[in-house]
Amino acid sequence: RCKSLVKNFERTLSHATAKLNLCFIRLMLKRLAND
């Protein structure tokens, strides 16, 4: 039970990190385009 919780947490964390990275890359691209 605890192990599955940890696995789920890790998956959610990686998913959130991926989304964050996507947003960050978009922001950087916009900044580069504005320059």
N, C-alpha and C. Protein backbone atom coordinates (compact mmCIF):
# COMPACT_ATOMS: atom_id res chain seq x y z
N ARG A 1 0.84 -1.20 0.00
CA ARG A 1 0.00 0.00 0.00
C ARG A 1 0.87 1.25 0.00
N CYS A 2 1.83 1.28 0.89
CA CYS A 2 2.70 2.46 0.97
C CYS A 2 3.54 2.58 -0.30
N LYS A 3 4.01 1.42 -0.79
CA LYS A 3 4.86 1.45 -1.98
C LYS A 3 4.10 1.99 -3.18
N SER A 4 2.85 1.55 -3.33
CA SER A 4 2.05 2.02 -4.46
C SER A 4 1.82 3.52 -4.34
N LEU A 5 1.65 4.00 -3.12
CA LEU A 5 1.45 5.43 -2.89
C LEU A 5 2.69 6.20 -3.34
N VAL A 6 3.84 5.69 -2.96
CA VAL A 6 5.09 6.35 -3.33
C VAL A 6 5.25 6.35 -4.84
N LYS A 7 4.92 5.23 -5.48
CA LYS A 7 5.03 5.14 -6.94
C LYS A 7 4.11 6.18 -7.59
N ASN A 8 2.88 6.25 -7.09
CA ASN A 8 1.92 7.20 -7.62
C ASN A 8 2.43 8.63 -7.45
N PHE A 9 3.00 8.90 -6.28
CA PHE A 9 3.52 10.24 -5.99
C PHE A 9 4.64 10.60 -6.95
N GLU A 10 5.54 9.64 -7.18
CA GLU A 10 6.66 9.88 -8.09
C GLU A 10 6.14 10.17 -9.49
N ARG A 11 5.13 9.41 -9.92
CA ARG A 11 4.57 9.61 -11.26
C ARG A 11 3.96 11.01 -11.37
N THR A 12 3.19 11.40 -10.35
CA THR A 12 2.56 12.72 -10.35
C THR A 12 3.62 13.81 -10.36
N LEU A 13 4.67 13.59 -9.57
CA LEU A 13 5.74 14.58 -9.48
C LEU A 13 6.41 14.76 -10.84
N SER A 14 6.75 13.65 -11.49
CA SER A 14 7.41 13.73 -12.79
C SER A 14 6.48 14.40 -13.80
N HIS A 15 5.18 14.10 -13.71
CA HIS A 15 4.21 14.71 -14.62
C HIS A 15 4.16 16.22 -14.42
N ALA A 16 4.13 16.63 -13.17
CA ALA A 16 4.10 18.06 -12.85
C ALA A 16 5.38 18.74 -13.33
N THR A 17 6.51 18.07 -13.15
CA THR A 17 7.79 18.63 -13.58
C THR A 17 7.80 18.80 -15.09
N ALA A 18 7.27 17.82 -15.80
CA ALA A 18 7.23 17.89 -17.26
C ALA A 18 6.38 19.08 -17.70
N LYS A 19 5.24 19.27 -17.06
CA LYS A 19 4.36 20.40 -17.40
C LYS A 19 5.08 21.72 -17.13
N LEU A 20 5.77 21.77 -15.99
CA LEU A 20 6.50 22.98 -15.63
C LEU A 20 7.57 23.28 -16.66
N ASN A 21 8.29 22.25 -17.08
CA ASN A 21 9.34 22.42 -18.08
C ASN A 21 8.75 22.95 -19.38
N LEU A 22 7.60 22.42 -19.76
CA LEU A 22 6.94 22.87 -20.99
C LEU A 22 6.62 24.36 -20.90
N CYS A 23 6.03 24.78 -19.79
CA CYS A 23 5.69 26.19 -19.59
C CYS A 23 6.94 27.05 -19.62
N PHE A 24 8.00 26.57 -18.97
CA PHE A 24 9.25 27.32 -18.91
C PHE A 24 9.84 27.49 -20.30
N ILE A 25 9.83 26.42 -21.08
CA ILE A 25 10.38 26.47 -22.44
C ILE A 25 9.58 27.45 -23.28
N ARG A 26 8.26 27.42 -23.14
CA ARG A 26 7.41 28.35 -23.90
C ARG A 26 7.74 29.79 -23.53
N LEU A 27 7.91 30.03 -22.23
CA LEU A 27 8.24 31.37 -21.76
C LEU A 27 9.56 31.83 -22.36
N MET A 28 10.56 30.97 -22.34
CA MET A 28 11.88 31.32 -22.88
C MET A 28 11.77 31.59 -24.38
N LEU A 29 11.00 30.78 -25.08
CA LEU A 29 10.83 30.97 -26.52
C LEU A 29 10.18 32.32 -26.80
N LYS A 30 9.17 32.65 -26.03
CA LYS A 30 8.50 33.95 -26.20
C LYS A 30 9.49 35.09 -25.98
N ARG A 31 10.30 34.96 -24.93
CA ARG A 31 11.27 35.99 -24.61
C ARG A 31 12.28 36.13 -25.75
N LEU A 32 12.72 35.00 -26.27
CA LEU A 32 13.69 35.01 -27.37
C LEU A 32 13.06 35.65 -28.61
N ALA A 33 11.80 35.33 -28.86
CA ALA A 33 11.11 35.88 -30.03
C ALA A 33 10.95 37.39 -29.89
N ASN A 34 10.70 37.85 -28.66
CA ASN A 34 10.53 39.28 -28.44
C ASN A 34 11.85 40.03 -28.64
N ASP A 35 12.94 39.37 -28.30
CA ASP A 35 14.25 40.00 -28.49
C ASP A 35 14.53 40.09 -29.97
